[in-house]
C-alpha atoms as a PDB file:
ATOM      1  CA  MET A   1     121.253  57.717  45.243  1.00  0.00           C
ATOM      2  CA  ASN A   2     118.402  55.544  44.022  1.00  0.00           C
ATOM      3  CA  ARG A   3     119.497  53.797  40.805  1.00  0.00           C
ATOM      4  CA  PRO A   4     116.627  51.791  39.308  1.00  0.00           C
ATOM      5  CA  TRP A   5     117.229  48.504  37.516  1.00  0.00           C
ATOM      6  CA  PHE A   6     115.768  49.875  34.285  1.00  0.00           C
ATOM      7  CA  PRO A   7     115.912  53.688  34.382  1.00  0.00           C
ATOM      8  CA  GLY A   8     113.522  55.765  32.308  1.00  0.00           C
ATOM      9  CA  ASP A   9     114.410  58.413  29.760  1.00  0.00           C
ATOM     10  CA  PRO A  10     117.119  60.587  31.355  1.00  0.00           C
ATOM     11  CA  ARG A  11     116.502  63.476  28.958  1.00  0.00           C
ATOM     12  CA  SER A  12     113.607  64.708  31.110  1.00  0.00           C
ATOM     13  CA  VAL A  13     115.896  65.962  33.897  1.00  0.00           C
ATOM     14  CA  GLY A  14     118.538  68.646  34.219  1.00  0.00           C
ATOM     15  CA  ASP A  15     120.117  70.658  31.459  1.00  0.00           C
ATOM     16  CA  ASP A  16     121.432  69.583  28.078  1.00  0.00           C
ATOM     17  CA  PRO A  17     125.145  68.785  28.398  1.00  0.00           C
ATOM     18  CA  ASP A  18     127.684  69.580  25.712  1.00  0.00           C
ATOM     19  CA  TYR A  19     126.481  67.561  22.722  1.00  0.00           C
ATOM     20  CA  ARG A  20     129.935  65.966  22.346  1.00  0.00           C
ATOM     21  CA  PHE A  21     129.521  64.202  25.684  1.00  0.00           C
ATOM     22  CA  THR A  22     126.040  63.002  24.782  1.00  0.00           C
ATOM     23  CA  LEU A  23     127.296  61.659  21.451  1.00  0.00           C
ATOM     24  CA  ALA A  24     130.281  59.970  23.111  1.00  0.00           C
ATOM     25  CA  ASN A  25     127.929  58.331  25.614  1.00  0.00           C
ATOM     26  CA  GLU A  26     125.727  57.146  22.744  1.00  0.00           C
ATOM     27  CA  ARG A  27     128.721  55.748  20.812  1.00  0.00           C
ATOM     28  CA  THR A  28     129.760  53.775  23.873  1.00  0.00           C
ATOM     29  CA  PHE A  29     126.224  52.423  24.218  1.00  0.00           C
ATOM     30  CA  LEU A  30     126.209  51.385  20.559  1.00  0.00           C
ATOM     31  CA  ALA A  31     129.577  49.635  20.972  1.00  0.00           C
ATOM     32  CA  TRP A  32     128.125  47.564  23.830  1.00  0.00           C
ATOM     33  CA  ILE A  33     125.051  46.786  21.706  1.00  0.00           C
ATOM     34  CA  ARG A  34     127.324  45.538  18.895  1.00  0.00           C
ATOM     35  CA  THR A  35     129.040  43.320  21.447  1.00  0.00           C
ATOM     36  CA  ALA A  36     125.646  41.987  22.577  1.00  0.00           C
ATOM     37  CA  LEU A  37     124.706  41.247  18.958  1.00  0.00           C
ATOM     38  CA  ALA A  38     128.002  39.405  18.394  1.00  0.00           C
ATOM     39  CA  LEU A  39     127.409  37.330  21.524  1.00  0.00           C
ATOM     40  CA  ALA A  40     123.869  36.513  20.350  1.00  0.00           C
ATOM     41  CA  ALA A  41     125.188  35.473  16.924  1.00  0.00           C
ATOM     42  CA  GLY A  42     127.823  33.300  18.582  1.00  0.00           C
ATOM     43  CA  GLY A  43     125.225  31.700  20.838  1.00  0.00           C
ATOM     44  CA  LEU A  44     122.864  30.960  17.983  1.00  0.00           C
ATOM     45  CA  GLY A  45     125.780  29.682  15.909  1.00  0.00           C
ATOM     46  CA  ALA A  46     126.918  27.376  18.695  1.00  0.00           C
ATOM     47  CA  VAL A  47     123.459  25.851  19.016  1.00  0.00           C
ATOM     48  CA  THR A  48     122.826  25.441  15.285  1.00  0.00           C
ATOM     49  CA  ILE A  49     126.263  24.692  13.806  1.00  0.00           C
ATOM     50  CA  LEU A  50     127.942  22.593  16.491  1.00  0.00           C
ATOM     51  CA  ASN A  51     125.453  19.716  16.258  1.00  0.00           C
ATOM     52  CA  ASP A  52     127.985  16.960  16.965  1.00  0.00           C
ATOM     53  CA  PHE A  53     129.765  18.863  19.728  1.00  0.00           C
ATOM     54  CA  PRO A  54     128.742  17.746  23.248  1.00  0.00           C
ATOM     55  CA  GLY A  55     127.502  20.663  25.299  1.00  0.00           C
ATOM     56  CA  GLU A  56     126.729  22.995  22.408  1.00  0.00           C
ATOM     57  CA  GLU A  57     123.471  23.938  24.148  1.00  0.00           C
ATOM     58  CA  VAL A  58     125.333  24.962  27.306  1.00  0.00           C
ATOM     59  CA  LEU A  59     127.777  27.051  25.295  1.00  0.00           C
ATOM     60  CA  GLY A  60     125.040  28.628  23.180  1.00  0.00           C
ATOM     61  CA  ILE A  61     122.765  29.448  26.102  1.00  0.00           C
ATOM     62  CA  GLY A  62     125.724  30.897  28.007  1.00  0.00           C
ATOM     63  CA  LEU A  63     126.505  33.221  25.098  1.00  0.00           C
ATOM     64  CA  LEU A  64     122.854  34.181  24.661  1.00  0.00           C
ATOM     65  CA  THR A  65     122.525  34.919  28.383  1.00  0.00           C
ATOM     66  CA  LEU A  66     125.643  37.074  28.276  1.00  0.00           C
ATOM     67  CA  SER A  67     124.182  38.868  25.258  1.00  0.00           C
ATOM     68  CA  VAL A  68     120.946  39.723  27.087  1.00  0.00           C
ATOM     69  CA  LEU A  69     122.830  40.912  30.177  1.00  0.00           C
ATOM     70  CA  THR A  70     125.129  43.058  28.037  1.00  0.00           C
ATOM     71  CA  ALA A  71     122.254  44.703  26.184  1.00  0.00           C
ATOM     72  CA  TRP A  72     120.316  45.363  29.382  1.00  0.00           C
ATOM     73  CA  THR A  73     123.233  46.755  31.374  1.00  0.00           C
ATOM     74  CA  SER A  74     124.464  48.854  28.442  1.00  0.00           C
ATOM     75  CA  TYR A  75     121.121  50.699  28.307  1.00  0.00           C
ATOM     76  CA  ARG A  76     121.211  51.149  32.074  1.00  0.00           C
ATOM     77  CA  ARG A  77     124.750  52.497  31.873  1.00  0.00           C
ATOM     78  CA  TRP A  78     123.822  54.907  29.049  1.00  0.00           C
ATOM     79  CA  ALA A  79     120.783  56.223  30.942  1.00  0.00           C
ATOM     80  CA  LEU A  80     122.596  56.675  34.260  1.00  0.00           C
ATOM     81  CA  ASN A  81     125.546  58.417  32.570  1.00  0.00           C
ATOM     82  CA  GLU A  82     123.223  60.708  30.609  1.00  0.00           C
ATOM     83  CA  ARG A  83     121.309  61.588  33.768  1.00  0.00           C
ATOM     84  CA  ALA A  84     124.525  62.317  35.676  1.00  0.00           C
ATOM     85  CA  MET A  85     125.801  64.580  32.894  1.00  0.00           C
ATOM     86  CA  ARG A  86     122.489  66.477  32.805  1.00  0.00           C
ATOM     87  CA  LEU A  87     122.553  66.989  36.576  1.00  0.00           C
ATOM     88  CA  ASP A  88     126.274  67.847  36.632  1.00  0.00           C
ATOM     89  CA  GLU A  89     127.015  64.892  38.911  1.00  0.00           C
ATOM     90  CA  PRO A  90     129.921  62.422  38.822  1.00  0.00           C
ATOM     91  CA  LEU A  91     129.414  59.493  36.476  1.00  0.00           C
ATOM     92  CA  PRO A  92     128.229  56.387  38.340  1.00  0.00           C
ATOM     93  CA  PRO A  93     130.499  53.353  38.492  1.00  0.00           C
ATOM     94  CA  SER A  94     129.770  50.551  36.048  1.00  0.00           C
ATOM     95  CA  ARG A  95     129.940  46.808  36.549  1.00  0.00           C
ATOM     96  CA  LEU A  96     129.609  46.112  32.824  1.00  0.00           C
ATOM     97  CA  PRO A  97     133.352  45.649  32.134  1.00  0.00           C
ATOM     98  CA  LEU A  98     133.627  43.224  35.079  1.00  0.00           C
ATOM     99  CA  LEU A  99     130.501  41.386  33.921  1.00  0.00           C
ATOM    100  CA  MET A 100     131.944  41.025  30.427  1.00  0.00           C
ATOM    101  CA  ALA A 101     135.344  39.861  31.675  1.00  0.00           C
ATOM    102  CA  ILE A 102     133.829  37.195  33.932  1.00  0.00           C
ATOM    103  CA  GLY A 103     131.244  36.135  31.355  1.00  0.00           C
ATOM    104  CA  VAL A 104     133.708  35.773  28.492  1.00  0.00           C
ATOM    105  CA  ALA A 105     136.164  33.937  30.742  1.00  0.00           C
ATOM    106  CA  LEU A 106     133.436  31.490  31.810  1.00  0.00           C
ATOM    107  CA  VAL A 107     132.337  30.912  28.215  1.00  0.00           C
ATOM    108  CA  ALA A 108     135.954  30.335  27.112  1.00  0.00           C
ATOM    109  CA  LEU A 109     136.583  27.974  30.019  1.00  0.00           C
ATOM    110  CA  THR A 110     133.375  26.071  29.260  1.00  0.00           C
ATOM    111  CA  ALA A 111     134.316  25.802  25.571  1.00  0.00           C
ATOM    112  CA  ALA A 112     137.800  24.554  26.473  1.00  0.00           C
ATOM    113  CA  VAL A 113     136.454  21.914  28.866  1.00  0.00           C
ATOM    114  CA  LEU A 114     133.861  20.760  26.328  1.00  0.00           C
ATOM    115  CA  PHE A 115     136.553  20.557  23.653  1.00  0.00           C
ATOM    116  CA  VAL A 116     138.844  18.479  25.871  1.00  0.00           C
ATOM    117  CA  VAL A 117     135.954  16.156  26.773  1.00  0.00           C
ATOM    118  CA  ASP A 118     135.059  15.780  23.085  1.00  0.00           C
ATOM    119  CA  VAL A 119     138.662  14.992  22.075  1.00  0.00           C
ATOM    120  CA  SER A 120     139.127  12.406  24.836  1.00  0.00           C
END
């Protein structure tokens, strides 16, 4: 199956699924968008508030990058799930939870290392 990087509007294919599934898919998308907004706020906060903390730019840019990736992949996930439901196909696998787990772990590890370096 060809899965584009940035799929178009999935509502142009197949049949309308049960509206409850569409709304559940949309709620999941919105939850990921809230996560992306929180990451962006954390990244901007790290850059602007942690002025005397060495490496605040690295931490902030890491959070902002994770925010962009989360927003982009959450739309992709929503569109591919919506398309699959409309075509009565199995839902495609998602790498978004793995991306988030690795990204948050890297940000936390970076913050811990920067904190230890600052304390020393």
